[in-house]
C-alpha atoms as a PDB file:
ATOM      1  CA  MET A   1    -122.979-198.494 -82.482  1.00  0.00           C
ATOM      2  CA  THR A   2    -121.523-201.869 -82.847  1.00  0.00           C
ATOM      3  CA  THR A   3    -122.781-205.429 -82.420  1.00  0.00           C
ATOM      4  CA  ARG A   4    -120.497-208.241 -81.527  1.00  0.00           C
ATOM      5  CA  ARG A   5    -120.981-211.949 -81.377  1.00  0.00           C
ATOM      6  CA  ILE A   6    -118.569-213.965 -79.262  1.00  0.00           C
ATOM      7  CA  ILE A   7    -118.244-217.744 -78.815  1.00  0.00           C
ATOM      8  CA  TYR A   8    -116.408-218.683 -75.487  1.00  0.00           C
ATOM      9  CA  GLU A   9    -114.629-221.947 -75.262  1.00  0.00           C
ATOM     10  CA  GLY A  10    -113.364-223.731 -72.132  1.00  0.00           C
ATOM     11  CA  ARG A  11    -115.146-224.772 -69.064  1.00  0.00           C
ATOM     12  CA  VAL A  12    -117.892-222.142 -69.670  1.00  0.00           C
ATOM     13  CA  GLN A  13    -121.063-224.050 -68.878  1.00  0.00           C
ATOM     14  CA  GLY A  14    -122.202-224.987 -65.353  1.00  0.00           C
ATOM     15  CA  VAL A  15    -119.959-222.334 -63.633  1.00  0.00           C
ATOM     16  CA  GLY A  16    -122.308-219.289 -63.487  1.00  0.00           C
ATOM     17  CA  PHE A  17    -120.902-217.961 -66.860  1.00  0.00           C
ATOM     18  CA  ARG A  18    -124.242-216.514 -68.144  1.00  0.00           C
ATOM     19  CA  TYR A  19    -125.232-215.083 -64.796  1.00  0.00           C
ATOM     20  CA  THR A  20    -121.813-213.396 -64.437  1.00  0.00           C
ATOM     21  CA  ALA A  21    -122.230-211.722 -67.876  1.00  0.00           C
ATOM     22  CA  LYS A  22    -125.679-210.540 -67.156  1.00  0.00           C
ATOM     23  CA  ASN A  23    -124.683-209.086 -63.794  1.00  0.00           C
ATOM     24  CA  LEU A  24    -121.621-207.303 -65.213  1.00  0.00           C
ATOM     25  CA  ALA A  25    -123.693-205.979 -68.080  1.00  0.00           C
ATOM     26  CA  ARG A  26    -125.833-203.942 -65.585  1.00  0.00           C
ATOM     27  CA  GLY A  27    -122.978-201.506 -65.190  1.00  0.00           C
ATOM     28  CA  TYR A  28    -122.871-200.714 -68.772  1.00  0.00           C
ATOM     29  CA  ASP A  29    -125.246-199.230 -71.473  1.00  0.00           C
ATOM     30  CA  LEU A  30    -125.623-202.360 -73.475  1.00  0.00           C
ATOM     31  CA  LEU A  31    -128.103-204.749 -75.095  1.00  0.00           C
ATOM     32  CA  GLY A  32    -127.431-208.411 -75.603  1.00  0.00           C
ATOM     33  CA  THR A  33    -127.997-212.075 -75.004  1.00  0.00           C
ATOM     34  CA  VAL A  34    -125.969-214.964 -73.607  1.00  0.00           C
ATOM     35  CA  ARG A  35    -126.747-218.538 -74.038  1.00  0.00           C
ATOM     36  CA  ASN A  36    -125.267-221.967 -73.799  1.00  0.00           C
ATOM     37  CA  LEU A  37    -124.712-223.880 -77.055  1.00  0.00           C
ATOM     38  CA  PRO A  38    -125.029-227.610 -77.436  1.00  0.00           C
ATOM     39  CA  ASP A  39    -121.352-228.045 -78.196  1.00  0.00           C
ATOM     40  CA  GLY A  40    -120.371-226.836 -74.720  1.00  0.00           C
ATOM     41  CA  THR A  41    -119.521-223.239 -75.786  1.00  0.00           C
ATOM     42  CA  VAL A  42    -121.244-220.122 -74.796  1.00  0.00           C
ATOM     43  CA  GLU A  43    -122.568-217.488 -77.278  1.00  0.00           C
ATOM     44  CA  MET A  44    -122.849-213.867 -76.308  1.00  0.00           C
ATOM     45  CA  ILE A  45    -124.153-211.102 -78.500  1.00  0.00           C
ATOM     46  CA  VAL A  46    -123.417-207.535 -77.269  1.00  0.00           C
ATOM     47  CA  ALA A  47    -124.542-204.284 -78.801  1.00  0.00           C
ATOM     48  CA  GLY A  48    -123.866-200.679 -77.853  1.00  0.00           C
ATOM     49  CA  GLU A  49    -121.469-197.813 -78.298  1.00  0.00           C
ATOM     50  CA  ARG A  50    -118.107-199.231 -79.418  1.00  0.00           C
ATOM     51  CA  ALA A  51    -116.252-197.976 -76.351  1.00  0.00           C
ATOM     52  CA  GLU A  52    -118.849-199.509 -73.991  1.00  0.00           C
ATOM     53  CA  VAL A  53    -118.788-202.814 -75.803  1.00  0.00           C
ATOM     54  CA  VAL A  54    -114.958-203.031 -75.899  1.00  0.00           C
ATOM     55  CA  GLU A  55    -114.710-202.174 -72.138  1.00  0.00           C
ATOM     56  CA  PHE A  56    -117.365-204.708 -71.150  1.00  0.00           C
ATOM     57  CA  LEU A  57    -115.826-207.535 -73.165  1.00  0.00           C
ATOM     58  CA  ARG A  58    -112.322-206.719 -71.797  1.00  0.00           C
ATOM     59  CA  ASP A  59    -113.655-206.659 -68.177  1.00  0.00           C
ATOM     60  CA  PHE A  60    -115.490-209.822 -68.726  1.00  0.00           C
ATOM     61  CA  ARG A  61    -112.634-211.612 -70.188  1.00  0.00           C
ATOM     62  CA  GLU A  62    -110.029-210.371 -67.840  1.00  0.00           C
ATOM     63  CA  ASP A  63    -111.525-209.465 -64.531  1.00  0.00           C
ATOM     64  CA  SER A  64    -114.766-211.350 -64.025  1.00  0.00           C
ATOM     65  CA  ALA A  65    -115.211-214.310 -61.598  1.00  0.00           C
ATOM     66  CA  VAL A  66    -115.355-216.724 -64.640  1.00  0.00           C
ATOM     67  CA  ALA A  67    -112.491-215.220 -66.696  1.00  0.00           C
ATOM     68  CA  HIS A  68    -110.162-218.110 -65.734  1.00  0.00           C
ATOM     69  CA  HIS A  69    -112.575-220.581 -67.325  1.00  0.00           C
ATOM     70  CA  ILE A  70    -112.178-218.945 -70.772  1.00  0.00           C
ATOM     71  CA  LYS A  71    -109.731-220.953 -72.870  1.00  0.00           C
ATOM     72  CA  GLY A  72    -110.485-219.515 -76.236  1.00  0.00           C
ATOM     73  CA  MET A  73    -112.907-217.135 -77.959  1.00  0.00           C
ATOM     74  CA  ILE A  74    -114.152-216.344 -81.490  1.00  0.00           C
ATOM     75  CA  GLU A  75    -115.276-212.763 -81.913  1.00  0.00           C
ATOM     76  CA  GLU A  76    -116.857-211.212 -84.920  1.00  0.00           C
ATOM     77  CA  GLU A  77    -118.854-208.018 -85.666  1.00  0.00           C
ATOM     78  CA  ILE A  78    -122.266-208.691 -86.906  1.00  0.00           C
ATOM     79  CA  VAL A  79    -125.213-206.634 -88.212  1.00  0.00           C
ATOM     80  CA  PRO A  80    -127.286-204.901 -85.600  1.00  0.00           C
ATOM     81  CA  LEU A  81    -130.071-207.054 -84.331  1.00  0.00           C
ATOM     82  CA  PRO A  82    -133.274-204.727 -83.791  1.00  0.00           C
ATOM     83  CA  GLU A  83    -134.927-207.310 -81.595  1.00  0.00           C
ATOM     84  CA  LEU A  84    -132.428-206.983 -78.754  1.00  0.00           C
ATOM     85  CA  GLN A  85    -133.969-205.612 -75.487  1.00  0.00           C
ATOM     86  CA  GLY A  86    -131.891-205.319 -72.375  1.00  0.00           C
ATOM     87  CA  PHE A  87    -129.272-207.983 -71.591  1.00  0.00           C
ATOM     88  CA  ILE A  88    -130.815-211.374 -71.128  1.00  0.00           C
ATOM     89  CA  ILE A  89    -129.986-214.957 -70.635  1.00  0.00           C
ATOM     90  CA  VAL A  90    -131.491-217.066 -73.331  1.00  0.00           C
ATOM     91  CA  THR A  91    -132.492-220.635 -72.232  1.00  0.00           C
END
């Protein structure tokens, strides 16, 4: 199991970014959150089996409807977060 935190940069707010992430996550066995940050970036936390997480993040970054809005990203592995349930949009 792995947990990743990704900060997406670019035109990632106001374009359906969080909803696209949530909808795509339905096709994977993942837990996580996605939320807008005050500086205009979006934070996504994704947890699951390493292969599922890697495939989801690749599909989101390369093939999703909002992929072209991503201009940069910072990704790090973090300690598992036991409070994660489902894949939700944090407001």
